[in-house]
Amino acid sequence: MRIIVFGAGALGSLFGALLSRENEVYMVGRREHVNVVARDGLRVEGHTEGTFKPGVGEKLKDSPFYPNWIILTVKAYQTEQAGREILDVLPDVPVLSFQNGIENELILRDMGIDAVGGVTSHGITFMEPSRIRHAGVGRTVIGELDGRVSMRVRALAYVLSNAGMLTEVSDNIAGEIWLKGAVNSVINPITAVLGVRNAALLEVAALRELGDSIAEECSKIAEAHGINMPENPVKEWKTVAERTGENMSSALQDIMKGKRTEIREINGAFVRKAEEKGMDAPYNRVMMNIVRGMEG
């Protein structure tokens, strides 16, 4: 299969590396990363070990092939910008979104892009250009936004699984996306504020209590919107934190680099969804504002 991975950060680089073993892959990323990958290959450490040689470049338009799929892994605040580039260069190619937040697939769909939803709880840390650490193995789920179990999604799930990312097909991808969003709304802000890895959230009773309160709030907001999450987020965030214990959350990695986080698209999305139903989301709002205050 021919696949473009649009957004070669930590997650995108892992997808690009694993898929490149048996597929044609072109990764779009930042110059300092893709230049070293082009020269030396992409080094993956941890649960996956090896040096991989996917095709790389800075622009979508420079892909050497016409893809079957685009896997979108850019930051959630870059979704509209990436969508415009996709529409300009490859408007008819289906896009699988693996991004933080609960709104990306709908943004893409409303732009006229053939979007498919995806979630993964693999833990990946970007160590330096051309080097990532696969710190934790988790679930990967994809699905059509309308709940159909289509042949194209089944085929893509097979390709991802064959590459080493065991992938399920869901008829409730919206629920999966909201569940991951709730988990991220717990893990990302707390780890970013405290500067700790995911496992630390399970070691202190006060942090577990705070995490549960955030997750419960997300659950109530989801229920108000008619979203059926497949697991209880109060239980799920602990499962993910344990499974990816050695991982640094994306928000923590961004804070350490002095970069903008996705906190407006993670906790902020739940605040916006609460407001749509005349509800308040004090836990999500406070965590969002604290992290925003820490951004460089």
Foldseek 3Di string as FASTA:
>chain_A
DEEEEEECDFVSVVLQFLLQVPYQYEYAYDPQQQVCCCVPAAAEAAPDGDGGRHHYDHAPQPDPDQGQEYEYEHEQVCLVVVLVSCCVRPQAHEYEYAYAFQCNQVSSVVVVHNYKYKYALFFKAGDGRRYIYRQFATAIEIEHPQLDPDPVVVVVQVSSVVSPNNYYYGSQRSLVNLLVLLLCLLQQLVCQVVVFFLLVLVVDPVSLVLSLLSQVLSVVLCVLVVRDHPDRSSVVSNVSSVRRVVHRDQLNNQLVVLHDHSLCRRLVNSQVSQVVSVHGRVSSVVSSVVSVVSHD
